[in-house]
Amino acid sequence: MSDAVDGLVTLQERMVNLIKQLNMPIIEVSMVIQNMLSPMLDSLTNHAAETGMILPDKVVNQWPIDMPTHDDKQSSLDINKILSVVDEDRMDILETLVRVTMVETEMNLLDGVSALRMWEHLVREKLANIKSPGQLFSPLEVPEEW
């Protein structure tokens, strides 16, 4: 069991260091997490269905976040414009780091999904507090305790 914990710690440390080093924007980290989480969750759900495994709710579903209430008007986001500004290379580097670390540490799918759920929760909290499209490109601030 210690190997699983070591793998999760290694993944966490590498992700924190890379995100800080590259000053990765919230939107890019969010996109990488979602692009990785969706197929992993599909595979895990299929495996659970085939084997009769019952998956914890914290793995299957997004973790709840406190949604702030903004009095100002909802700004319209031009998705195509946002996608044209993201740095694909930087996103590929993060995705590769996550995949390589999961393989290198022989992380099982359940642990991998759990780790990404934690990151997803952090990013969704940051996204919920955004008041303008420009804030999507603010560097993701990772809490000290991470």
C-alpha atoms as a PDB file:
ATOM      1  CA  MET A   1       0.000   0.000   0.000  1.00  0.00           C
ATOM      2  CA  SER A   2       2.972   2.278   0.622  1.00  0.00           C
ATOM      3  CA  ASP A   3       3.844   2.107  -3.091  1.00  0.00           C
ATOM      4  CA  ALA A   4       0.407   3.503  -3.970  1.00  0.00           C
ATOM      5  CA  VAL A   5       0.868   6.394  -1.527  1.00  0.00           C
ATOM      6  CA  ASP A   6       4.388   7.026  -2.843  1.00  0.00           C
ATOM      7  CA  GLY A   7       3.010   7.115  -6.391  1.00  0.00           C
ATOM      8  CA  LEU A   8       0.311   9.618  -5.448  1.00  0.00           C
ATOM      9  CA  VAL A   9       2.843  11.807  -3.632  1.00  0.00           C
ATOM     10  CA  THR A  10       5.206  11.669  -6.621  1.00  0.00           C
ATOM     11  CA  LEU A  11       2.402  12.626  -9.013  1.00  0.00           C
ATOM     12  CA  GLN A  12       1.282  15.470  -6.761  1.00  0.00           C
ATOM     13  CA  GLU A  13       4.805  16.866  -6.350  1.00  0.00           C
ATOM     14  CA  ARG A  14       5.557  16.710 -10.071  1.00  0.00           C
ATOM     15  CA  MET A  15       2.268  18.349 -11.053  1.00  0.00           C
ATOM     16  CA  VAL A  16       2.664  21.154  -8.503  1.00  0.00           C
ATOM     17  CA  ASN A  17       6.249  21.816  -9.585  1.00  0.00           C
ATOM     18  CA  LEU A  18       5.470  21.837 -13.311  1.00  0.00           C
ATOM     19  CA  ILE A  19       2.357  23.997 -12.984  1.00  0.00           C
ATOM     20  CA  LYS A  20       4.307  26.525 -10.922  1.00  0.00           C
ATOM     21  CA  GLN A  21       7.368  26.388 -13.188  1.00  0.00           C
ATOM     22  CA  LEU A  22       5.320  26.971 -16.354  1.00  0.00           C
ATOM     23  CA  ASN A  23       2.932  29.473 -14.697  1.00  0.00           C
ATOM     24  CA  MET A  24       0.108  27.436 -16.197  1.00  0.00           C
ATOM     25  CA  PRO A  25      -3.193  29.269 -16.529  1.00  0.00           C
ATOM     26  CA  ILE A  26      -6.286  27.921 -14.822  1.00  0.00           C
ATOM     27  CA  ILE A  27      -7.983  27.177 -18.154  1.00  0.00           C
ATOM     28  CA  GLU A  28      -5.078  25.059 -19.441  1.00  0.00           C
ATOM     29  CA  VAL A  29      -4.823  22.965 -16.275  1.00  0.00           C
ATOM     30  CA  SER A  30      -8.583  22.520 -16.343  1.00  0.00           C
ATOM     31  CA  MET A  31      -8.553  21.328 -19.944  1.00  0.00           C
ATOM     32  CA  VAL A  32      -5.746  18.833 -19.310  1.00  0.00           C
ATOM     33  CA  ILE A  33      -7.486  17.415 -16.239  1.00  0.00           C
ATOM     34  CA  GLN A  34     -10.801  17.005 -18.089  1.00  0.00           C
ATOM     35  CA  ASN A  35      -9.157  15.535 -21.197  1.00  0.00           C
ATOM     36  CA  MET A  36      -7.449  12.927 -19.044  1.00  0.00           C
ATOM     37  CA  LEU A  37     -10.190  12.297 -16.504  1.00  0.00           C
ATOM     38  CA  SER A  38     -13.034  11.543 -18.918  1.00  0.00           C
ATOM     39  CA  PRO A  39     -11.500   8.507 -20.691  1.00  0.00           C
ATOM     40  CA  MET A  40      -9.961   7.208 -17.449  1.00  0.00           C
ATOM     41  CA  LEU A  41     -13.338   7.406 -15.721  1.00  0.00           C
ATOM     42  CA  ASP A  42     -15.016   5.653 -18.671  1.00  0.00           C
ATOM     43  CA  SER A  43     -12.499   2.797 -18.451  1.00  0.00           C
ATOM     44  CA  LEU A  44     -12.870   2.556 -14.693  1.00  0.00           C
ATOM     45  CA  THR A  45     -16.671   2.567 -14.883  1.00  0.00           C
ATOM     46  CA  ASN A  46     -16.632  -0.167 -17.556  1.00  0.00           C
ATOM     47  CA  HIS A  47     -14.228  -2.269 -15.476  1.00  0.00           C
ATOM     48  CA  ALA A  48     -16.412  -1.822 -12.395  1.00  0.00           C
ATOM     49  CA  ALA A  49     -19.508  -2.877 -14.342  1.00  0.00           C
ATOM     50  CA  GLU A  50     -17.748  -5.993 -15.668  1.00  0.00           C
ATOM     51  CA  THR A  51     -16.363  -7.037 -12.288  1.00  0.00           C
ATOM     52  CA  GLY A  52     -19.205  -5.934 -10.032  1.00  0.00           C
ATOM     53  CA  MET A  53     -16.956  -3.457  -8.233  1.00  0.00           C
ATOM     54  CA  ILE A  54     -18.750  -0.595  -6.503  1.00  0.00           C
ATOM     55  CA  LEU A  55     -16.974   2.703  -7.029  1.00  0.00           C
ATOM     56  CA  PRO A  56     -16.987   5.401  -4.338  1.00  0.00           C
ATOM     57  CA  ASP A  57     -19.112   8.453  -5.092  1.00  0.00           C
ATOM     58  CA  LYS A  58     -16.012  10.688  -4.724  1.00  0.00           C
ATOM     59  CA  VAL A  59     -14.492   8.855  -7.687  1.00  0.00           C
ATOM     60  CA  VAL A  60     -17.556   8.661  -9.924  1.00  0.00           C
ATOM     61  CA  ASN A  61     -18.819  12.229  -9.443  1.00  0.00           C
ATOM     62  CA  GLN A  62     -17.293  15.682  -9.315  1.00  0.00           C
ATOM     63  CA  TRP A  63     -16.760  16.960  -5.807  1.00  0.00           C
ATOM     64  CA  PRO A  64     -19.193  19.726  -4.839  1.00  0.00           C
ATOM     65  CA  ILE A  65     -17.913  23.283  -4.749  1.00  0.00           C
ATOM     66  CA  ASP A  66     -19.291  26.437  -3.192  1.00  0.00           C
ATOM     67  CA  MET A  67     -20.500  28.573  -6.063  1.00  0.00           C
ATOM     68  CA  PRO A  68     -20.144  32.309  -5.436  1.00  0.00           C
ATOM     69  CA  THR A  69     -23.021  34.525  -6.415  1.00  0.00           C
ATOM     70  CA  HIS A  70     -22.007  37.351  -8.722  1.00  0.00           C
ATOM     71  CA  ASP A  71     -24.268  40.366  -8.961  1.00  0.00           C
ATOM     72  CA  ASP A  72     -22.694  41.535 -12.197  1.00  0.00           C
ATOM     73  CA  LYS A  73     -23.800  40.348 -15.615  1.00  0.00           C
ATOM     74  CA  GLN A  74     -22.496  37.015 -16.847  1.00  0.00           C
ATOM     75  CA  SER A  75     -19.829  37.805 -19.428  1.00  0.00           C
ATOM     76  CA  SER A  76     -20.085  35.951 -22.674  1.00  0.00           C
ATOM     77  CA  LEU A  77     -17.146  33.695 -23.338  1.00  0.00           C
ATOM     78  CA  ASP A  78     -16.004  33.150 -26.892  1.00  0.00           C
ATOM     79  CA  ILE A  79     -14.861  29.539 -26.653  1.00  0.00           C
ATOM     80  CA  ASN A  80     -13.105  29.622 -30.025  1.00  0.00           C
ATOM     81  CA  LYS A  81     -11.127  32.710 -29.003  1.00  0.00           C
ATOM     82  CA  ILE A  82     -10.163  31.095 -25.695  1.00  0.00           C
ATOM     83  CA  LEU A  83      -9.087  27.890 -27.437  1.00  0.00           C
ATOM     84  CA  SER A  84      -6.995  29.874 -29.920  1.00  0.00           C
ATOM     85  CA  VAL A  85      -5.009  31.428 -27.069  1.00  0.00           C
ATOM     86  CA  VAL A  86      -4.214  28.340 -24.987  1.00  0.00           C
ATOM     87  CA  ASP A  87      -0.686  26.962 -25.224  1.00  0.00           C
ATOM     88  CA  GLU A  88      -1.046  23.432 -26.626  1.00  0.00           C
ATOM     89  CA  ASP A  89       2.638  22.652 -26.010  1.00  0.00           C
ATOM     90  CA  ARG A  90       2.404  23.554 -22.346  1.00  0.00           C
ATOM     91  CA  MET A  91      -0.744  21.460 -22.005  1.00  0.00           C
ATOM     92  CA  ASP A  92       0.956  18.506 -23.741  1.00  0.00           C
ATOM     93  CA  ILE A  93       3.868  18.759 -21.309  1.00  0.00           C
ATOM     94  CA  LEU A  94       1.532  18.548 -18.300  1.00  0.00           C
ATOM     95  CA  GLU A  95      -0.455  15.668 -19.808  1.00  0.00           C
ATOM     96  CA  THR A  96       2.738  13.776 -20.636  1.00  0.00           C
ATOM     97  CA  LEU A  97       4.097  14.326 -17.134  1.00  0.00           C
ATOM     98  CA  VAL A  98       0.896  12.949 -15.590  1.00  0.00           C
ATOM     99  CA  ARG A  99       0.783   9.915 -17.899  1.00  0.00           C
ATOM    100  CA  VAL A 100       4.480   9.086 -17.481  1.00  0.00           C
ATOM    101  CA  THR A 101       4.264   9.420 -13.698  1.00  0.00           C
ATOM    102  CA  MET A 102       1.194   7.171 -13.522  1.00  0.00           C
ATOM    103  CA  VAL A 103       2.937   4.518 -15.633  1.00  0.00           C
ATOM    104  CA  GLU A 104       6.286   4.885 -13.863  1.00  0.00           C
ATOM    105  CA  THR A 105       4.700   4.504 -10.417  1.00  0.00           C
ATOM    106  CA  GLU A 106       2.394   1.723 -11.684  1.00  0.00           C
ATOM    107  CA  MET A 107      -0.580   3.685 -10.388  1.00  0.00           C
ATOM    108  CA  ASN A 108      -3.862   1.821 -10.681  1.00  0.00           C
ATOM    109  CA  LEU A 109      -6.772   3.422 -12.486  1.00  0.00           C
ATOM    110  CA  LEU A 110      -8.782   4.050  -9.325  1.00  0.00           C
ATOM    111  CA  ASP A 111      -5.895   5.946  -7.702  1.00  0.00           C
ATOM    112  CA  GLY A 112      -5.260   7.879 -10.909  1.00  0.00           C
ATOM    113  CA  VAL A 113      -8.885   8.983 -11.190  1.00  0.00           C
ATOM    114  CA  SER A 114      -8.928   9.888  -7.479  1.00  0.00           C
ATOM    115  CA  ALA A 115      -5.808  12.032  -7.867  1.00  0.00           C
ATOM    116  CA  LEU A 116      -7.252  13.843 -10.874  1.00  0.00           C
ATOM    117  CA  ARG A 117     -10.577  14.379  -9.065  1.00  0.00           C
ATOM    118  CA  MET A 118      -8.683  16.321  -6.393  1.00  0.00           C
ATOM    119  CA  TRP A 119      -7.095  18.524  -9.066  1.00  0.00           C
ATOM    120  CA  GLU A 120     -10.431  18.888 -10.830  1.00  0.00           C
ATOM    121  CA  HIS A 121     -11.983  20.146  -7.595  1.00  0.00           C
ATOM    122  CA  LEU A 122      -9.242  22.746  -7.109  1.00  0.00           C
ATOM    123  CA  VAL A 123      -9.566  24.010 -10.679  1.00  0.00           C
ATOM    124  CA  ARG A 124     -13.383  24.083 -10.583  1.00  0.00           C
ATOM    125  CA  GLU A 125     -13.235  26.191  -7.403  1.00  0.00           C
ATOM    126  CA  LYS A 126     -10.898  28.631  -9.157  1.00  0.00           C
ATOM    127  CA  LEU A 127     -13.113  28.720 -12.267  1.00  0.00           C
ATOM    128  CA  ALA A 128     -16.201  29.379 -10.146  1.00  0.00           C
ATOM    129  CA  ASN A 129     -14.586  32.563  -8.836  1.00  0.00           C
ATOM    130  CA  ILE A 130     -13.701  33.989 -12.230  1.00  0.00           C
ATOM    131  CA  LYS A 131     -15.452  37.235 -13.061  1.00  0.00           C
ATOM    132  CA  SER A 132     -13.963  37.982 -16.496  1.00  0.00           C
ATOM    133  CA  PRO A 133     -12.601  35.928 -19.413  1.00  0.00           C
ATOM    134  CA  GLY A 134      -9.093  37.285 -18.844  1.00  0.00           C
ATOM    135  CA  GLN A 135      -8.968  35.604 -15.448  1.00  0.00           C
ATOM    136  CA  LEU A 136      -9.075  32.226 -17.192  1.00  0.00           C
ATOM    137  CA  PHE A 137      -5.463  32.890 -18.123  1.00  0.00           C
ATOM    138  CA  SER A 138      -4.312  33.764 -14.620  1.00  0.00           C
ATOM    139  CA  PRO A 139      -1.698  31.291 -13.369  1.00  0.00           C
ATOM    140  CA  LEU A 140      -3.215  28.543 -11.239  1.00  0.00           C
ATOM    141  CA  GLU A 141      -2.343  29.243  -7.631  1.00  0.00           C
ATOM    142  CA  VAL A 142      -1.748  25.956  -5.864  1.00  0.00           C
ATOM    143  CA  PRO A 143      -2.411  26.089  -2.102  1.00  0.00           C
ATOM    144  CA  GLU A 144       0.651  25.788   0.156  1.00  0.00           C
ATOM    145  CA  GLU A 145      -0.565  22.551   1.747  1.00  0.00           C
ATOM    146  CA  TRP A 146      -0.432  20.795  -1.641  1.00  0.00           C
END
